[in-house]
Amino acid sequence: MLKRLNRYSLRWSPNRRVAVIGIGLLCLLALATATAFLTGHDDRPASATPAPSPAHSSAAPTGQPSSWSGPVAGPPRIADPVEFAKAAAKMLWSYDTRTTSQAQHLTGMRAWMTKEDEYGDWASVAAQIPDPVLWSRMADQEQHATATIAEGHYPAAFKQALAEDPAAITKAYIYAVTVTGKQTITWAKGGSGAEDHSVTLAVQCRPSTDCSLVAIAPRVAP
């Protein structure tokens, strides 16, 4: 059963995929970007377009700790899309059922979301943790997890779409970032295991504003 619980976050329902595509990816840049995400390709050639940089002023806070306090790590005050996405992925892959209820965990995750409801897809983010019943079973096993982030990058499809239409990013300042890392899971009686993870996140980083989480893509780049 533990193996099934450990792999919970990798499941996607068809309806949720449609929601993420419709709300999250179509807000990134254009149909070409969304199509590229669905195919899941990220060739990252050496001659790829340089990574886009958000147009933030010097007044934008960078790397400062969040004022949020709670069982889930709060969103850092970061103006860089890649660094924020790496922090968000670490949050998504970390949990502790010994000290935190499912509802408390959801509340902590919600603090990372964009306040612009027309762009945010909370359902795709909330789906990363089990329902209350399964969470309770995990708590019975004292299951908890930590994450180590390896790297984050802009998918090639996103950079290509941005190069073709640089002004498109100014519509919502939403960036696609793929993050890879490892999740280490521990449970009662010394049980433990580790699994590599990869996820593509949509993050919003408007000028002079801290980044926030928008959505999770239904498929990730290799």
Protein backbone atom coordinates (compact mmCIF):
# COMPACT_ATOMS: atom_id res chain seq x y z
CA MET A 1 0.00 0.00 0.00
CA LEU A 2 2.90 2.33 0.78
CA LYS A 3 4.11 2.11 -2.79
CA ARG A 4 0.67 3.14 -3.97
CA LEU A 5 0.63 6.07 -1.52
CA ASN A 6 4.10 7.19 -2.56
CA ARG A 7 3.07 7.42 -6.21
CA TYR A 8 -0.17 9.28 -5.51
CA SER A 9 1.07 12.61 -6.84
CA LEU A 10 1.76 11.15 -10.29
CA ARG A 11 -1.91 10.45 -11.09
CA TRP A 12 -3.96 12.77 -13.37
CA SER A 13 -7.62 12.61 -14.26
CA PRO A 14 -8.74 13.53 -17.81
CA ASN A 15 -10.92 16.37 -16.54
CA ARG A 16 -8.06 17.83 -14.53
CA ARG A 17 -5.75 17.73 -17.56
CA VAL A 18 -8.30 19.64 -19.61
CA ALA A 19 -8.61 22.24 -16.87
CA VAL A 20 -4.88 22.75 -16.61
CA ILE A 21 -4.46 23.04 -20.36
CA GLY A 22 -7.36 25.44 -20.71
CA ILE A 23 -6.59 27.68 -17.76
CA GLY A 24 -2.87 27.36 -17.22
CA LEU A 25 -1.12 26.71 -20.49
CA LEU A 26 -3.25 28.85 -22.77
CA CYS A 27 -2.37 31.77 -20.53
CA LEU A 28 1.36 31.25 -21.02
CA LEU A 29 1.91 32.55 -24.51
CA ALA A 30 0.07 30.95 -27.43
CA LEU A 31 -1.36 27.73 -28.81
CA ALA A 32 2.11 26.70 -29.94
CA THR A 33 3.31 26.66 -26.34
CA ALA A 34 0.40 24.56 -25.14
CA THR A 35 0.87 22.08 -27.98
CA ALA A 36 4.53 21.71 -27.11
CA PHE A 37 3.70 21.00 -23.47
CA LEU A 38 1.28 18.25 -24.45
CA THR A 39 3.92 16.49 -26.50
CA GLY A 40 6.29 16.77 -23.55
CA HIS A 41 9.39 17.55 -25.61
CA ASP A 42 12.30 19.63 -24.34
CA ASP A 43 15.34 19.19 -26.56
CA ARG A 44 17.23 22.11 -25.03
CA PRO A 45 19.70 22.48 -27.92
CA ALA A 46 22.93 24.37 -27.34
CA SER A 47 21.76 27.12 -29.68
CA ALA A 48 18.42 27.60 -27.89
CA THR A 49 17.11 31.11 -27.34
CA PRO A 50 18.55 32.64 -24.14
CA ALA A 51 16.32 32.25 -21.09
CA PRO A 52 13.79 35.07 -20.76
CA SER A 53 14.23 37.53 -17.93
CA PRO A 54 11.26 39.11 -16.18
CA ALA A 55 11.23 42.91 -16.41
CA HIS A 56 11.48 43.58 -12.66
CA SER A 57 12.61 46.87 -11.22
CA SER A 58 15.35 47.11 -8.64
CA ALA A 59 12.68 47.58 -6.00
CA ALA A 60 11.44 44.03 -6.39
CA PRO A 61 12.40 41.87 -3.38
CA THR A 62 14.57 38.88 -4.21
CA GLY A 63 15.26 35.85 -2.04
CA GLN A 64 13.79 37.35 1.14
CA PRO A 65 12.00 34.98 3.52
CA SER A 66 8.22 34.88 3.53
CA SER A 67 6.24 36.25 6.47
CA TRP A 68 3.93 33.21 6.27
CA SER A 69 4.03 30.87 9.28
CA GLY A 70 2.45 27.45 9.26
CA PRO A 71 3.03 23.71 8.79
CA VAL A 72 3.90 24.19 5.10
CA ALA A 73 6.85 26.33 4.02
CA GLY A 74 5.57 29.69 2.82
CA PRO A 75 6.33 31.24 -0.58
CA PRO A 76 9.68 33.03 -0.68
CA ARG A 77 9.86 36.64 -1.82
CA ILE A 78 11.54 35.85 -5.12
CA ALA A 79 11.29 37.80 -8.39
CA ASP A 80 12.98 35.15 -10.54
CA PRO A 81 10.64 32.57 -12.18
CA VAL A 82 13.13 29.67 -12.16
CA GLU A 83 14.16 30.14 -8.53
CA PHE A 84 10.53 30.48 -7.45
CA ALA A 85 9.54 27.35 -9.39
CA LYS A 86 12.34 25.39 -7.71
CA ALA A 87 11.09 26.51 -4.29
CA ALA A 88 7.50 25.65 -5.26
CA ALA A 89 8.48 22.16 -6.43
CA LYS A 90 10.28 21.53 -3.14
CA MET A 91 7.14 22.57 -1.30
CA LEU A 92 4.95 20.31 -3.43
CA TRP A 93 7.17 17.28 -2.85
CA SER A 94 7.45 17.80 0.92
CA TYR A 95 4.89 16.90 3.59
CA ASP A 96 4.57 15.54 7.13
CA THR A 97 1.43 13.63 8.03
CA ARG A 98 2.68 13.26 11.62
CA THR A 99 2.16 16.92 12.44
CA THR A 100 -0.09 18.31 9.71
CA SER A 101 -3.65 17.52 8.72
CA GLN A 102 -4.68 17.36 5.08
CA ALA A 103 -6.68 20.59 5.49
CA GLN A 104 -3.72 22.39 7.07
CA HIS A 105 -1.46 21.24 4.27
CA LEU A 106 -3.88 22.54 1.65
CA THR A 107 -4.06 25.90 3.41
CA GLY A 108 -0.29 26.17 3.33
CA MET A 109 -0.16 25.30 -0.37
CA ARG A 110 -2.86 27.87 -1.15
CA ALA A 111 -0.59 30.66 0.11
CA TRP A 112 1.66 30.08 -2.93
CA MET A 113 -1.10 30.71 -5.48
CA THR A 114 -1.59 33.77 -7.63
CA LYS A 115 -4.30 36.12 -6.44
CA GLU A 116 -5.43 36.61 -10.05
CA ASP A 117 -8.19 34.03 -10.22
CA GLU A 118 -8.57 34.27 -13.99
CA TYR A 119 -5.15 32.64 -14.36
CA GLY A 120 -4.79 30.39 -11.33
CA ASP A 121 -5.65 26.70 -11.51
CA TRP A 122 -5.88 25.67 -7.86
CA ALA A 123 -7.32 22.26 -8.74
CA SER A 124 -4.11 21.18 -10.49
CA VAL A 125 -2.05 22.17 -7.44
CA ALA A 126 -4.37 20.71 -4.80
CA ALA A 127 -4.37 17.41 -6.68
CA GLN A 128 -0.76 16.90 -5.64
CA ILE A 129 -1.77 15.66 -2.20
CA PRO A 130 -4.08 12.77 -1.25
CA ASP A 131 -7.69 13.13 -0.18
CA PRO A 132 -8.43 13.23 3.59
CA VAL A 133 -9.01 9.47 3.86
CA LEU A 134 -5.76 8.51 2.19
CA TRP A 135 -3.90 11.21 4.11
CA SER A 136 -5.21 9.65 7.33
CA ARG A 137 -3.89 6.24 6.31
CA MET A 138 -0.52 7.79 5.56
CA ALA A 139 -0.59 9.43 9.00
CA ASP A 140 -1.19 6.02 10.56
CA GLN A 141 2.13 5.03 9.02
CA GLU A 142 3.77 8.31 10.14
CA GLN A 143 4.64 9.03 6.52
CA HIS A 144 6.60 12.18 5.74
CA ALA A 145 8.69 13.39 2.82
CA THR A 146 11.46 15.83 2.03
CA ALA A 147 12.71 17.01 -1.35
CA THR A 148 16.02 17.91 -2.94
CA ILE A 149 15.96 20.05 -6.08
CA ALA A 150 18.45 19.27 -8.86
CA GLU A 151 17.71 22.03 -11.38
CA GLY A 152 15.12 24.22 -13.04
CA HIS A 153 14.92 25.53 -16.60
CA TYR A 154 12.64 27.13 -19.17
CA PRO A 155 11.39 24.44 -21.60
CA ALA A 156 12.63 24.89 -25.15
CA ALA A 157 9.05 25.24 -26.42
CA PHE A 158 8.42 28.15 -24.06
CA LYS A 159 11.62 29.94 -25.12
CA GLN A 160 10.78 29.41 -28.77
CA ALA A 161 7.26 30.78 -28.38
CA LEU A 162 8.63 33.77 -26.47
CA ALA A 163 11.19 34.44 -29.19
CA GLU A 164 8.46 34.40 -31.83
CA ASP A 165 6.26 36.82 -29.89
CA PRO A 166 8.23 38.62 -27.13
CA ALA A 167 5.35 40.92 -26.27
CA ALA A 168 3.05 38.02 -25.42
CA ILE A 169 4.62 37.58 -21.97
CA THR A 170 3.38 41.03 -20.93
CA LYS A 171 -0.25 39.88 -21.06
CA ALA A 172 0.02 38.00 -17.78
CA TYR A 173 3.77 37.57 -17.08
CA ILE A 174 3.35 33.82 -16.75
CA TYR A 175 6.45 31.69 -17.24
CA ALA A 176 6.76 27.94 -17.78
CA VAL A 177 9.52 26.30 -15.74
CA THR A 178 10.47 22.62 -15.58
CA VAL A 179 11.99 21.45 -12.28
CA THR A 180 13.66 18.12 -11.52
CA GLY A 181 14.62 16.68 -8.15
CA LYS A 182 14.32 13.79 -5.74
CA GLN A 183 11.70 13.06 -3.08
CA THR A 184 12.71 11.02 -0.03
CA ILE A 185 9.86 9.36 1.85
CA THR A 186 10.04 7.92 5.36
CA TRP A 187 7.46 5.97 7.34
CA ALA A 188 7.04 4.00 10.57
CA LYS A 189 9.48 1.30 11.71
CA GLY A 190 12.37 2.65 9.68
CA GLY A 191 10.78 2.40 6.26
CA SER A 192 12.11 4.74 3.60
CA GLY A 193 12.45 5.21 -0.13
CA ALA A 194 13.42 7.80 -2.72
CA GLU A 195 12.06 8.68 -6.14
CA ASP A 196 13.10 11.09 -8.88
CA HIS A 197 10.50 13.69 -9.84
CA SER A 198 9.99 16.22 -12.62
CA VAL A 199 7.25 18.79 -12.98
CA THR A 200 6.50 21.77 -15.19
CA LEU A 201 5.02 24.72 -13.34
CA ALA A 202 3.39 27.89 -14.56
CA VAL A 203 4.50 30.78 -12.37
CA GLN A 204 3.49 34.42 -12.50
CA CYS A 205 6.15 37.09 -11.95
CA ARG A 206 4.81 40.54 -12.71
CA PRO A 207 7.26 43.48 -12.62
CA SER A 208 8.10 44.70 -9.11
CA THR A 209 6.02 41.88 -7.62
CA ASP A 210 6.91 38.60 -5.93
CA CYS A 211 6.34 35.49 -8.00
CA SER A 212 3.37 33.20 -7.36
CA LEU A 213 2.21 29.79 -8.51
CA VAL A 214 -0.35 29.56 -11.32
CA ALA A 215 -0.75 25.91 -12.28
CA ILE A 216 0.89 22.55 -12.84
CA ALA A 217 1.21 21.29 -16.41
CA PRO A 218 -0.38 17.88 -17.15
CA ARG A 219 2.86 16.50 -18.62
CA VAL A 220 6.50 17.36 -18.11
CA ALA A 221 9.55 17.73 -20.29
CA PRO A 222 12.00 14.82 -20.27
